[in-house]
Amino acid sequence: MTKQVKSIPKFASEAQERTFWETQDSTEYLNWRQARKVVLPNLKPSTQTISLRLPQHLLDGIKNAANARDVPYQSLIKVWLQEKLHVSP
């Protein structure tokens, strides 16, 4: 037996929609058994600037490693962190 789902209301703003979904059970509005995976290849993850204090010798070593690979040192740091966390981009 298929559960009857409620219709999703129209929202005036993204904030209103966010508030709605924070207080509702999505299974009452969507049949998740019919959901399909999607790939969004052009979606760029949001980034946040951080400040990180490193000993000078460590930063020099990172810059040398980046220079040997011909990549910016900040990019190399991101790659290493991603590899260590085993997280896909």
C-alpha atoms as a PDB file:
ATOM      1  CA  MET A   1       0.000   0.000   0.000  1.00  0.00           C
ATOM      2  CA  THR A   2       1.399   3.365  -1.041  1.00  0.00           C
ATOM      3  CA  LYS A   3       1.302   6.103   1.541  1.00  0.00           C
ATOM      4  CA  GLN A   4      -0.477   9.270   0.441  1.00  0.00           C
ATOM      5  CA  VAL A   5       1.919  12.221   0.510  1.00  0.00           C
ATOM      6  CA  LYS A   6       0.976  15.794   1.312  1.00  0.00           C
ATOM      7  CA  SER A   7       1.543  18.501  -1.295  1.00  0.00           C
ATOM      8  CA  ILE A   8       4.501  20.792  -0.694  1.00  0.00           C
ATOM      9  CA  PRO A   9       3.379  24.376  -0.083  1.00  0.00           C
ATOM     10  CA  LYS A  10       4.672  27.358  -2.079  1.00  0.00           C
ATOM     11  CA  PHE A  11       7.194  29.519  -0.267  1.00  0.00           C
ATOM     12  CA  ALA A  12       7.755  33.266  -0.546  1.00  0.00           C
ATOM     13  CA  SER A  13      11.447  32.992   0.315  1.00  0.00           C
ATOM     14  CA  GLU A  14      14.239  30.521   0.904  1.00  0.00           C
ATOM     15  CA  ALA A  15      14.204  31.441   4.595  1.00  0.00           C
ATOM     16  CA  GLN A  16      10.515  30.540   4.821  1.00  0.00           C
ATOM     17  CA  GLU A  17      11.182  27.205   3.111  1.00  0.00           C
ATOM     18  CA  ARG A  18      14.115  26.471   5.417  1.00  0.00           C
ATOM     19  CA  THR A  19      11.957  27.173   8.475  1.00  0.00           C
ATOM     20  CA  PHE A  20       9.250  24.875   7.123  1.00  0.00           C
ATOM     21  CA  TRP A  21      11.604  21.920   6.514  1.00  0.00           C
ATOM     22  CA  GLU A  22      13.277  22.376   9.905  1.00  0.00           C
ATOM     23  CA  THR A  23       9.943  21.606  11.559  1.00  0.00           C
ATOM     24  CA  GLN A  24       8.453  18.997   9.197  1.00  0.00           C
ATOM     25  CA  ASP A  25       9.063  15.329   8.503  1.00  0.00           C
ATOM     26  CA  SER A  26       9.954  15.116   4.814  1.00  0.00           C
ATOM     27  CA  THR A  27       8.527  11.593   4.544  1.00  0.00           C
ATOM     28  CA  GLU A  28       5.061  13.115   4.830  1.00  0.00           C
ATOM     29  CA  TYR A  29       5.722  15.135   1.661  1.00  0.00           C
ATOM     30  CA  LEU A  30       8.041  12.918  -0.402  1.00  0.00           C
ATOM     31  CA  ASN A  31       8.181   9.239  -1.262  1.00  0.00           C
ATOM     32  CA  TRP A  32      11.885   8.583  -0.716  1.00  0.00           C
ATOM     33  CA  ARG A  33      11.596   5.084  -2.221  1.00  0.00           C
ATOM     34  CA  GLN A  34      11.197   6.772  -5.603  1.00  0.00           C
ATOM     35  CA  ALA A  35      14.219   9.035  -5.105  1.00  0.00           C
ATOM     36  CA  ARG A  36      17.121   8.783  -7.560  1.00  0.00           C
ATOM     37  CA  LYS A  37      20.730   9.790  -7.104  1.00  0.00           C
ATOM     38  CA  VAL A  38      21.844  12.788  -9.124  1.00  0.00           C
ATOM     39  CA  VAL A  39      25.266  14.092 -10.047  1.00  0.00           C
ATOM     40  CA  LEU A  40      25.816  17.833 -10.052  1.00  0.00           C
ATOM     41  CA  PRO A  41      29.187  18.184 -11.805  1.00  0.00           C
ATOM     42  CA  ASN A  42      29.191  21.979 -11.941  1.00  0.00           C
ATOM     43  CA  LEU A  43      28.323  22.491  -8.282  1.00  0.00           C
ATOM     44  CA  LYS A  44      31.258  24.045  -6.488  1.00  0.00           C
ATOM     45  CA  PRO A  45      31.577  23.470  -2.757  1.00  0.00           C
ATOM     46  CA  SER A  46      31.443  26.594  -0.645  1.00  0.00           C
ATOM     47  CA  THR A  47      34.709  27.579   0.951  1.00  0.00           C
ATOM     48  CA  GLN A  48      35.608  29.435   4.093  1.00  0.00           C
ATOM     49  CA  THR A  49      38.781  31.356   4.777  1.00  0.00           C
ATOM     50  CA  ILE A  50      40.660  30.306   7.888  1.00  0.00           C
ATOM     51  CA  SER A  51      43.767  31.505   9.626  1.00  0.00           C
ATOM     52  CA  LEU A  52      46.267  28.816  10.526  1.00  0.00           C
ATOM     53  CA  ARG A  53      49.469  29.440  12.428  1.00  0.00           C
ATOM     54  CA  LEU A  54      52.291  27.088  11.461  1.00  0.00           C
ATOM     55  CA  PRO A  55      55.908  26.982  12.552  1.00  0.00           C
ATOM     56  CA  GLN A  56      58.063  28.618   9.878  1.00  0.00           C
ATOM     57  CA  HIS A  57      60.025  25.412   9.199  1.00  0.00           C
ATOM     58  CA  LEU A  58      56.769  23.518   8.545  1.00  0.00           C
ATOM     59  CA  LEU A  59      55.480  26.184   6.166  1.00  0.00           C
ATOM     60  CA  ASP A  60      58.838  26.226   4.360  1.00  0.00           C
ATOM     61  CA  GLY A  61      58.663  22.442   3.961  1.00  0.00           C
ATOM     62  CA  ILE A  62      55.134  22.651   2.563  1.00  0.00           C
ATOM     63  CA  LYS A  63      56.165  25.383   0.124  1.00  0.00           C
ATOM     64  CA  ASN A  64      59.151  23.312  -1.023  1.00  0.00           C
ATOM     65  CA  ALA A  65      56.926  20.258  -1.571  1.00  0.00           C
ATOM     66  CA  ALA A  66      54.421  22.382  -3.498  1.00  0.00           C
ATOM     67  CA  ASN A  67      57.170  23.930  -5.599  1.00  0.00           C
ATOM     68  CA  ALA A  68      58.509  20.460  -6.473  1.00  0.00           C
ATOM     69  CA  ARG A  69      55.002  19.520  -7.667  1.00  0.00           C
ATOM     70  CA  ASP A  70      54.498  22.891  -9.392  1.00  0.00           C
ATOM     71  CA  VAL A  71      51.289  23.631  -7.481  1.00  0.00           C
ATOM     72  CA  PRO A  72      50.342  26.457  -5.111  1.00  0.00           C
ATOM     73  CA  TYR A  73      51.162  25.539  -1.520  1.00  0.00           C
ATOM     74  CA  GLN A  74      47.628  26.265  -0.293  1.00  0.00           C
ATOM     75  CA  SER A  75      46.245  23.863  -2.909  1.00  0.00           C
ATOM     76  CA  LEU A  76      48.691  21.199  -1.766  1.00  0.00           C
ATOM     77  CA  ILE A  77      47.595  21.668   1.849  1.00  0.00           C
ATOM     78  CA  LYS A  78      43.948  21.157   0.771  1.00  0.00           C
ATOM     79  CA  VAL A  79      44.848  17.993  -1.155  1.00  0.00           C
ATOM     80  CA  TRP A  80      46.758  16.570   1.807  1.00  0.00           C
ATOM     81  CA  LEU A  81      43.924  17.357   4.226  1.00  0.00           C
ATOM     82  CA  GLN A  82      41.399  15.793   1.882  1.00  0.00           C
ATOM     83  CA  GLU A  83      43.519  12.655   1.514  1.00  0.00           C
ATOM     84  CA  LYS A  84      43.972  12.386   5.275  1.00  0.00           C
ATOM     85  CA  LEU A  85      40.223  12.657   5.872  1.00  0.00           C
ATOM     86  CA  HIS A  86      39.427  10.315   2.957  1.00  0.00           C
ATOM     87  CA  VAL A  87      36.787  12.763   1.713  1.00  0.00           C
ATOM     88  CA  SER A  88      35.839  13.143  -1.937  1.00  0.00           C
ATOM     89  CA  PRO A  89      35.857  16.700  -3.341  1.00  0.00           C
END
